[in-house]
Amino acid sequence: MSKVYLALQDNDLSRYIVEAVEADNPNVTVIYQPAMIRMEREDSLVVRRSTVEEKLGQSWDVQELHLNLITIGGNVDEDDEQFSLSWQR
């Protein structure tokens, strides 16, 4: 299967999101580029609200991810609790 990916602007909030993604997604690859952080993983990748809130130390709405989002690769499944990417439908 192909890799899914998520790229965010490189800023303070995104760094907490990256920490949360690393905690919830074993074997995720994080690539730091100028002004961008790209995360990629085979099959699927999930950003969980609860883990981001734990890392951030305050409440966080999954919709806030879109404020820092540059690009994605994969099919999106999103609700109030998580944002997930996969190539499955």
PDB file of N, CA and C in Angstrom:
ATOM      1  N   MET A   1       0.835  -1.182   0.000  1.00  0.00           N
ATOM      2  CA  MET A   1       0.000   0.000   0.000  1.00  0.00           C
ATOM      3  C   MET A   1       0.881   1.247   0.000  1.00  0.00           C
ATOM      4  N   SER A   2       0.356   2.345  -0.428  1.00  0.00           N
ATOM      5  CA  SER A   2       1.088   3.605  -0.519  1.00  0.00           C
ATOM      6  C   SER A   2       1.072   4.364   0.802  1.00  0.00           C
ATOM      7  N   LYS A   3       1.966   5.317   0.879  1.00  0.00           N
ATOM      8  CA  LYS A   3       2.027   6.165   2.067  1.00  0.00           C
ATOM      9  C   LYS A   3       0.977   7.265   1.981  1.00  0.00           C
ATOM     10  N   VAL A   4       0.415   7.604   3.128  1.00  0.00           N
ATOM     11  CA  VAL A   4      -0.406   8.801   3.260  1.00  0.00           C
ATOM     12  C   VAL A   4       0.484   9.867   3.879  1.00  0.00           C
ATOM     13  N   TYR A   5       0.138  11.126   3.689  1.00  0.00           N
ATOM     14  CA  TYR A   5       0.977  12.182   4.250  1.00  0.00           C
ATOM     15  C   TYR A   5       0.151  13.397   4.636  1.00  0.00           C
ATOM     16  N   LEU A   6       0.730  14.167   5.532  1.00  0.00           N
ATOM     17  CA  LEU A   6       0.135  15.386   6.053  1.00  0.00           C
ATOM     18  C   LEU A   6       1.269  16.382   6.227  1.00  0.00           C
ATOM     19  N   ALA A   7       1.125  17.571   5.666  1.00  0.00           N
ATOM     20  CA  ALA A   7       2.149  18.608   5.802  1.00  0.00           C
ATOM     21  C   ALA A   7       1.535  19.827   6.483  1.00  0.00           C
ATOM     22  N   LEU A   8       2.240  20.321   7.488  1.00  0.00           N
ATOM     23  CA  LEU A   8       1.791  21.473   8.263  1.00  0.00           C
ATOM     24  C   LEU A   8       2.831  22.581   8.214  1.00  0.00           C
ATOM     25  N   GLN A   9       2.374  23.827   8.427  1.00  0.00           N
ATOM     26  CA  GLN A   9       3.308  24.934   8.588  1.00  0.00           C
ATOM     27  C   GLN A   9       4.159  24.656   9.822  1.00  0.00           C
ATOM     28  N   ASP A  10       5.411  25.032   9.778  1.00  0.00           N
ATOM     29  CA  ASP A  10       6.302  24.820  10.921  1.00  0.00           C
ATOM     30  C   ASP A  10       6.136  25.981  11.895  1.00  0.00           C
ATOM     31  N   ASN A  11       5.284  25.766  12.906  1.00  0.00           N
ATOM     32  CA  ASN A  11       5.079  26.777  13.941  1.00  0.00           C
ATOM     33  C   ASN A  11       4.868  26.075  15.282  1.00  0.00           C
ATOM     34  N   ASP A  12       4.675  26.840  16.339  1.00  0.00           N
ATOM     35  CA  ASP A  12       4.575  26.259  17.683  1.00  0.00           C
ATOM     36  C   ASP A  12       3.431  25.257  17.810  1.00  0.00           C
ATOM     37  N   LEU A  13       2.239  25.599  17.332  1.00  0.00           N
ATOM     38  CA  LEU A  13       1.105  24.688  17.446  1.00  0.00           C
ATOM     39  C   LEU A  13       1.350  23.398  16.664  1.00  0.00           C
ATOM     40  N   SER A  14       1.905  23.521  15.486  1.00  0.00           N
ATOM     41  CA  SER A  14       2.167  22.330  14.671  1.00  0.00           C
ATOM     42  C   SER A  14       3.126  21.375  15.364  1.00  0.00           C
ATOM     43  N   ARG A  15       4.056  21.894  16.119  1.00  0.00           N
ATOM     44  CA  ARG A  15       5.005  21.017  16.815  1.00  0.00           C
ATOM     45  C   ARG A  15       4.295  20.131  17.842  1.00  0.00           C
ATOM     46  N   TYR A  16       3.258  20.665  18.501  1.00  0.00           N
ATOM     47  CA  TYR A  16       2.466  19.845  19.424  1.00  0.00           C
ATOM     48  C   TYR A  16       1.660  18.796  18.658  1.00  0.00           C
ATOM     49  N   ILE A  17       1.137  19.177  17.509  1.00  0.00           N
ATOM     50  CA  ILE A  17       0.393  18.226  16.679  1.00  0.00           C
ATOM     51  C   ILE A  17       1.315  17.100  16.228  1.00  0.00           C
ATOM     52  N   VAL A  18       2.535  17.440  15.843  1.00  0.00           N
ATOM     53  CA  VAL A  18       3.512  16.422  15.430  1.00  0.00           C
ATOM     54  C   VAL A  18       3.804  15.467  16.589  1.00  0.00           C
ATOM     55  N   GLU A  19       3.988  15.998  17.791  1.00  0.00           N
ATOM     56  CA  GLU A  19       4.219  15.140  18.962  1.00  0.00           C
ATOM     57  C   GLU A  19       3.058  14.169  19.160  1.00  0.00           C
ATOM     58  N   ALA A  20       1.842  14.661  18.994  1.00  0.00           N
ATOM     59  CA  ALA A  20       0.660  13.812  19.152  1.00  0.00           C
ATOM     60  C   ALA A  20       0.599  12.741  18.067  1.00  0.00           C
ATOM     61  N   VAL A  21       0.901  13.120  16.846  1.00  0.00           N
ATOM     62  CA  VAL A  21       0.896  12.158  15.739  1.00  0.00           C
ATOM     63  C   VAL A  21       1.943  11.078  15.979  1.00  0.00           C
ATOM     64  N   GLU A  22       3.117  11.477  16.440  1.00  0.00           N
ATOM     65  CA  GLU A  22       4.169  10.493  16.731  1.00  0.00           C
ATOM     66  C   GLU A  22       3.730   9.525  17.828  1.00  0.00           C
ATOM     67  N   ALA A  23       2.995  10.022  18.822  1.00  0.00           N
ATOM     68  CA  ALA A  23       2.533   9.166  19.915  1.00  0.00           C
ATOM     69  C   ALA A  23       1.478   8.161  19.451  1.00  0.00           C
ATOM     70  N   ASP A  24       0.626   8.566  18.521  1.00  0.00           N
ATOM     71  CA  ASP A  24      -0.499   7.724  18.096  1.00  0.00           C
ATOM     72  C   ASP A  24      -0.229   6.883  16.855  1.00  0.00           C
ATOM     73  N   ASN A  25       0.876   7.138  16.160  1.00  0.00           N
ATOM     74  CA  ASN A  25       1.146   6.460  14.890  1.00  0.00           C
ATOM     75  C   ASN A  25       2.553   5.871  14.878  1.00  0.00           C
ATOM     76  N   PRO A  26       2.690   4.624  15.309  1.00  0.00           N
ATOM     77  CA  PRO A  26       4.018   4.000  15.264  1.00  0.00           C
ATOM     78  C   PRO A  26       4.572   4.024  13.834  1.00  0.00           C
ATOM     79  N   ASN A  27       5.854   4.193  13.726  1.00  0.00           N
ATOM     80  CA  ASN A  27       6.550   4.184  12.433  1.00  0.00           C
ATOM     81  C   ASN A  27       6.224   5.365  11.524  1.00  0.00           C
ATOM     82  N   VAL A  28       5.663   6.443  12.075  1.00  0.00           N
ATOM     83  CA  VAL A  28       5.458   7.632  11.253  1.00  0.00           C
ATOM     84  C   VAL A  28       6.819   8.261  10.972  1.00  0.00           C
ATOM     85  N   THR A  29       6.991   8.761   9.776  1.00  0.00           N
ATOM     86  CA  THR A  29       8.214   9.466   9.405  1.00  0.00           C
ATOM     87  C   THR A  29       7.922  10.959   9.421  1.00  0.00           C
ATOM     88  N   VAL A  30       8.721  11.710  10.159  1.00  0.00           N
ATOM     89  CA  VAL A  30       8.557  13.165  10.241  1.00  0.00           C
ATOM     90  C   VAL A  30       9.738  13.804   9.530  1.00  0.00           C
ATOM     91  N   ILE A  31       9.432  14.660   8.559  1.00  0.00           N
ATOM     92  CA  ILE A  31      10.454  15.320   7.753  1.00  0.00           C
ATOM     93  C   ILE A  31      10.323  16.828   7.964  1.00  0.00           C
ATOM     94  N   TYR A  32      11.373  17.431   8.517  1.00  0.00           N
ATOM     95  CA  TYR A  32      11.380  18.877   8.737  1.00  0.00           C
ATOM     96  C   TYR A  32      12.006  19.551   7.524  1.00  0.00           C
ATOM     97  N   GLN A  33      11.250  20.448   6.909  1.00  0.00           N
ATOM     98  CA  GLN A  33      11.717  21.210   5.759  1.00  0.00           C
ATOM     99  C   GLN A  33      11.557  22.690   6.092  1.00  0.00           C
ATOM    100  N   PRO A  34      12.149  23.563   5.308  1.00  0.00           N
ATOM    101  CA  PRO A  34      11.975  24.987   5.586  1.00  0.00           C
ATOM    102  C   PRO A  34      10.488  25.369   5.619  1.00  0.00           C
ATOM    103  N   ALA A  35      10.043  25.862   6.746  1.00  0.00           N
ATOM    104  CA  ALA A  35       8.680  26.356   6.951  1.00  0.00           C
ATOM    105  C   ALA A  35       7.606  25.275   6.882  1.00  0.00           C
ATOM    106  N   MET A  36       7.988  23.986   6.855  1.00  0.00           N
ATOM    107  CA  MET A  36       7.003  22.922   6.717  1.00  0.00           C
ATOM    108  C   MET A  36       7.453  21.669   7.465  1.00  0.00           C
ATOM    109  N   ILE A  37       6.481  20.972   8.044  1.00  0.00           N
ATOM    110  CA  ILE A  37       6.731  19.671   8.658  1.00  0.00           C
ATOM    111  C   ILE A  37       5.841  18.664   7.940  1.00  0.00           C
ATOM    112  N   ARG A  38       6.461  17.661   7.349  1.00  0.00           N
ATOM    113  CA  ARG A  38       5.719  16.631   6.615  1.00  0.00           C
ATOM    114  C   ARG A  38       5.771  15.331   7.410  1.00  0.00           C
ATOM    115  N   MET A  39       4.601  14.727   7.599  1.00  0.00           N
ATOM    116  CA  MET A  39       4.503  13.438   8.275  1.00  0.00           C
ATOM    117  C   MET A  39       3.934  12.437   7.290  1.00  0.00           C
ATOM    118  N   GLU A  40       4.576  11.279   7.192  1.00  0.00           N
ATOM    119  CA  GLU A  40       4.073  10.259   6.281  1.00  0.00           C
ATOM    120  C   GLU A  40       4.148   8.887   6.941  1.00  0.00           C
ATOM    121  N   ARG A  41       3.248   8.018   6.493  1.00  0.00           N
ATOM    122  CA  ARG A  41       3.159   6.685   7.097  1.00  0.00           C
ATOM    123  C   ARG A  41       2.469   5.744   6.118  1.00  0.00           C
ATOM    124  N   GLU A  42       2.871   4.497   6.132  1.00  0.00           N
ATOM    125  CA  GLU A  42       2.207   3.481   5.317  1.00  0.00           C
ATOM    126  C   GLU A  42       0.770   3.290   5.797  1.00  0.00           C
ATOM    127  N   ASP A  43      -0.143   3.156   4.864  1.00  0.00           N
ATOM    128  CA  ASP A  43      -1.545   2.781   5.093  1.00  0.00           C
ATOM    129  C   ASP A  43      -2.436   3.859   5.696  1.00  0.00           C
ATOM    130  N   SER A  44      -2.098   4.390   6.867  1.00  0.00           N
ATOM    131  CA  SER A  44      -3.001   5.349   7.513  1.00  0.00           C
ATOM    132  C   SER A  44      -2.241   6.239   8.487  1.00  0.00           C
ATOM    133  N   LEU A  45      -2.878   7.359   8.819  1.00  0.00           N
ATOM    134  CA  LEU A  45      -2.316   8.310   9.778  1.00  0.00           C
ATOM    135  C   LEU A  45      -3.491   8.971  10.484  1.00  0.00           C
ATOM    136  N   VAL A  46      -3.405   9.124  11.793  1.00  0.00           N
ATOM    137  CA  VAL A  46      -4.507   9.722  12.543  1.00  0.00           C
ATOM    138  C   VAL A  46      -3.987  10.832  13.458  1.00  0.00           C
ATOM    139  N   VAL A  47      -4.766  11.914  13.545  1.00  0.00           N
ATOM    140  CA  VAL A  47      -4.520  13.004  14.493  1.00  0.00           C
ATOM    141  C   VAL A  47      -5.703  12.975  15.459  1.00  0.00           C
ATOM    142  N   ARG A  48      -5.460  12.609  16.702  1.00  0.00           N
ATOM    143  CA  ARG A  48      -6.528  12.493  17.701  1.00  0.00           C
ATOM    144  C   ARG A  48      -6.605  13.753  18.557  1.00  0.00           C
ATOM    145  N   ARG A  49      -7.817  14.257  18.719  1.00  0.00           N
ATOM    146  CA  ARG A  49      -8.041  15.453  19.532  1.00  0.00           C
ATOM    147  C   ARG A  49      -7.493  15.261  20.941  1.00  0.00           C
ATOM    148  N   SER A  50      -7.791  14.134  21.556  1.00  0.00           N
ATOM    149  CA  SER A  50      -7.384  13.908  22.950  1.00  0.00           C
ATOM    150  C   SER A  50      -5.867  13.937  23.121  1.00  0.00           C
ATOM    151  N   THR A  51      -5.140  13.388  22.168  1.00  0.00           N
ATOM    152  CA  THR A  51      -3.676  13.374  22.278  1.00  0.00           C
ATOM    153  C   THR A  51      -3.099  14.764  22.052  1.00  0.00           C
ATOM    154  N   VAL A  52      -3.652  15.506  21.098  1.00  0.00           N
ATOM    155  CA  VAL A  52      -3.180  16.876  20.873  1.00  0.00           C
ATOM    156  C   VAL A  52      -3.449  17.714  22.119  1.00  0.00           C
ATOM    157  N   GLU A  53      -4.638  17.575  22.716  1.00  0.00           N
ATOM    158  CA  GLU A  53      -4.951  18.322  23.935  1.00  0.00           C
ATOM    159  C   GLU A  53      -3.986  17.972  25.065  1.00  0.00           C
ATOM    160  N   GLU A  54      -3.636  16.705  25.170  1.00  0.00           N
ATOM    161  CA  GLU A  54      -2.685  16.270  26.200  1.00  0.00           C
ATOM    162  C   GLU A  54      -1.321  16.926  25.995  1.00  0.00           C
ATOM    163  N   LYS A  55      -0.842  16.959  24.769  1.00  0.00           N
ATOM    164  CA  LYS A  55       0.469  17.551  24.468  1.00  0.00           C
ATOM    165  C   LYS A  55       0.433  19.067  24.591  1.00  0.00           C
ATOM    166  N   LEU A  56      -0.668  19.670  24.150  1.00  0.00           N
ATOM    167  CA  LEU A  56      -0.815  21.125  24.131  1.00  0.00           C
ATOM    168  C   LEU A  56      -1.123  21.696  25.519  1.00  0.00           C
ATOM    169  N   GLY A  57      -1.819  20.919  26.349  1.00  0.00           N
ATOM    170  CA  GLY A  57      -2.177  21.379  27.682  1.00  0.00           C
ATOM    171  C   GLY A  57      -3.405  22.259  27.716  1.00  0.00           C
ATOM    172  N   GLN A  58      -4.222  22.213  26.681  1.00  0.00           N
ATOM    173  CA  GLN A  58      -5.472  22.974  26.627  1.00  0.00           C
ATOM    174  C   GLN A  58      -6.395  22.329  25.610  1.00  0.00           C
ATOM    175  N   SER A  59      -7.639  22.793  25.572  1.00  0.00           N
ATOM    176  CA  SER A  59      -8.585  22.206  24.628  1.00  0.00           C
ATOM    177  C   SER A  59      -8.195  22.572  23.195  1.00  0.00           C
ATOM    178  N   TRP A  60      -8.541  21.677  22.277  1.00  0.00           N
ATOM    179  CA  TRP A  60      -8.184  21.844  20.866  1.00  0.00           C
ATOM    180  C   TRP A  60      -9.295  21.250  20.020  1.00  0.00           C
ATOM    181  N   ASP A  61      -9.726  21.982  19.015  1.00  0.00           N
ATOM    182  CA  ASP A  61     -10.757  21.524  18.082  1.00  0.00           C
ATOM    183  C   ASP A  61     -10.069  20.963  16.842  1.00  0.00           C
ATOM    184  N   VAL A  62     -10.492  19.799  16.397  1.00  0.00           N
ATOM    185  CA  VAL A  62      -9.881  19.164  15.226  1.00  0.00           C
ATOM    186  C   VAL A  62      -9.897  20.102  14.018  1.00  0.00           C
ATOM    187  N   GLN A  63     -10.907  20.947  13.901  1.00  0.00           N
ATOM    188  CA  GLN A  63     -10.985  21.891  12.782  1.00  0.00           C
ATOM    189  C   GLN A  63      -9.809  22.871  12.759  1.00  0.00           C
ATOM    190  N   GLU A  64      -9.182  23.096  13.908  1.00  0.00           N
ATOM    191  CA  GLU A  64      -8.031  23.994  13.973  1.00  0.00           C
ATOM    192  C   GLU A  64      -6.841  23.463  13.177  1.00  0.00           C
ATOM    193  N   LEU A  65      -6.837  22.174  12.899  1.00  0.00           N
ATOM    194  CA  LEU A  65      -5.773  21.592  12.084  1.00  0.00           C
ATOM    195  C   LEU A  65      -5.687  22.296  10.732  1.00  0.00           C
ATOM    196  N   HIS A  66      -6.836  22.687  10.187  1.00  0.00           N
ATOM    197  CA  HIS A  66      -6.879  23.308   8.866  1.00  0.00           C
ATOM    198  C   HIS A  66      -6.175  24.665   8.815  1.00  0.00           C
ATOM    199  N   LEU A  67      -6.008  25.312   9.965  1.00  0.00           N
ATOM    200  CA  LEU A  67      -5.319  26.603   9.998  1.00  0.00           C
ATOM    201  C   LEU A  67      -3.834  26.471   9.689  1.00  0.00           C
ATOM    202  N   ASN A  68      -3.263  25.297   9.947  1.00  0.00           N
ATOM    203  CA  ASN A  68      -1.835  25.063   9.734  1.00  0.00           C
ATOM    204  C   ASN A  68      -1.552  24.098   8.592  1.00  0.00           C
ATOM    205  N   LEU A  69      -2.601  23.587   7.980  1.00  0.00           N
ATOM    206  CA  LEU A  69      -2.481  22.566   6.948  1.00  0.00           C
ATOM    207  C   LEU A  69      -1.957  23.144   5.635  1.00  0.00           C
ATOM    208  N   ILE A  70      -0.953  22.481   5.062  1.00  0.00           N
ATOM    209  CA  ILE A  70      -0.442  22.860   3.745  1.00  0.00           C
ATOM    210  C   ILE A  70      -0.984  21.919   2.687  1.00  0.00           C
ATOM    211  N   THR A  71      -0.831  20.611   2.906  1.00  0.00           N
ATOM    212  CA  THR A  71      -1.312  19.630   1.934  1.00  0.00           C
ATOM    213  C   THR A  71      -1.493  18.273   2.600  1.00  0.00           C
ATOM    214  N   ILE A  72      -2.285  17.425   1.952  1.00  0.00           N
ATOM    215  CA  ILE A  72      -2.502  16.064   2.436  1.00  0.00           C
ATOM    216  C   ILE A  72      -2.457  15.104   1.259  1.00  0.00           C
ATOM    217  N   GLY A  73      -2.211  13.853   1.566  1.00  0.00           N
ATOM    218  CA  GLY A  73      -2.299  12.794   0.569  1.00  0.00           C
ATOM    219  C   GLY A  73      -3.022  11.625   1.189  1.00  0.00           C
ATOM    220  N   GLY A  74      -4.192  11.310   0.678  1.00  0.00           N
ATOM    221  CA  GLY A  74      -5.000  10.221   1.210  1.00  0.00           C
ATOM    222  C   GLY A  74      -6.449  10.650   1.304  1.00  0.00           C
ATOM    223  N   ASN A  75      -7.309   9.688   1.565  1.00  0.00           N
ATOM    224  CA  ASN A  75      -8.725   9.965   1.761  1.00  0.00           C
ATOM    225  C   ASN A  75      -8.941  10.398   3.205  1.00  0.00           C
ATOM    226  N   VAL A  76      -9.719  11.457   3.383  1.00  0.00           N
ATOM    227  CA  VAL A  76      -9.936  12.053   4.705  1.00  0.00           C
ATOM    228  C   VAL A  76     -11.193  11.491   5.355  1.00  0.00           C
ATOM    229  N   ASP A  77     -11.079  11.166   6.625  1.00  0.00           N
ATOM    230  CA  ASP A  77     -12.216  10.838   7.478  1.00  0.00           C
ATOM    231  C   ASP A  77     -12.046  11.713   8.715  1.00  0.00           C
ATOM    232  N   GLU A  78     -13.005  12.597   8.931  1.00  0.00           N
ATOM    233  CA  GLU A  78     -12.852  13.599   9.989  1.00  0.00           C
ATOM    234  C   GLU A  78     -14.128  13.703  10.806  1.00  0.00           C
ATOM    235  N   ASP A  79     -13.968  13.791  12.112  1.00  0.00           N
ATOM    236  CA  ASP A  79     -15.088  14.075  13.003  1.00  0.00           C
ATOM    237  C   ASP A  79     -14.570  14.922  14.165  1.00  0.00           C
ATOM    238  N   ASP A  80     -15.365  15.065  15.212  1.00  0.00           N
ATOM    239  CA  ASP A  80     -14.965  15.912  16.345  1.00  0.00           C
ATOM    240  C   ASP A  80     -13.811  15.334  17.146  1.00  0.00           C
ATOM    241  N   GLU A  81     -13.542  14.047  17.009  1.00  0.00           N
ATOM    242  CA  GLU A  81     -12.521  13.378  17.806  1.00  0.00           C
ATOM    243  C   GLU A  81     -11.203  13.143  17.085  1.00  0.00           C
ATOM    244  N   GLN A  82     -11.231  13.079  15.740  1.00  0.00           N
ATOM    245  CA  GLN A  82      -9.995  12.768  15.023  1.00  0.00           C
ATOM    246  C   GLN A  82     -10.060  13.177  13.562  1.00  0.00           C
ATOM    247  N   PHE A  83      -8.877  13.288  12.988  1.00  0.00           N
ATOM    248  CA  PHE A  83      -8.679  13.533  11.560  1.00  0.00           C
ATOM    249  C   PHE A  83      -7.809  12.379  11.084  1.00  0.00           C
ATOM    250  N   SER A  84      -8.320  11.575  10.165  1.00  0.00           N
ATOM    251  CA  SER A  84      -7.533  10.426   9.724  1.00  0.00           C
ATOM    252  C   SER A  84      -7.408  10.392   8.210  1.00  0.00           C
ATOM    253  N   LEU A  85      -6.285   9.847   7.765  1.00  0.00           N
ATOM    254  CA  LEU A  85      -5.983   9.692   6.346  1.00  0.00           C
ATOM    255  C   LEU A  85      -5.722   8.224   6.052  1.00  0.00           C
ATOM    256  N   SER A  86      -6.231   7.758   4.930  1.00  0.00           N
ATOM    257  CA  SER A  86      -5.922   6.409   4.456  1.00  0.00           C
ATOM    258  C   SER A  86      -6.235   6.372   2.965  1.00  0.00           C
ATOM    259  N   TRP A  87      -5.822   5.320   2.308  1.00  0.00           N
ATOM    260  CA  TRP A  87      -6.161   5.151   0.897  1.00  0.00           C
ATOM    261  C   TRP A  87      -7.376   4.246   0.738  1.00  0.00           C
ATOM    262  N   GLN A  88      -7.940   3.785   1.848  1.00  0.00           N
ATOM    263  CA  GLN A  88      -9.157   2.972   1.787  1.00  0.00           C
ATOM    264  C   GLN A  88     -10.360   3.890   1.766  1.00  0.00           C
ATOM    265  N   ARG A  89     -11.427   3.418   1.203  1.00  0.00           N
ATOM    266  CA  ARG A  89     -12.650   4.232   1.159  1.00  0.00           C
ATOM    267  C   ARG A  89     -13.630   3.785   2.194  1.00  0.00           C
TER     268      ARG A  89
END
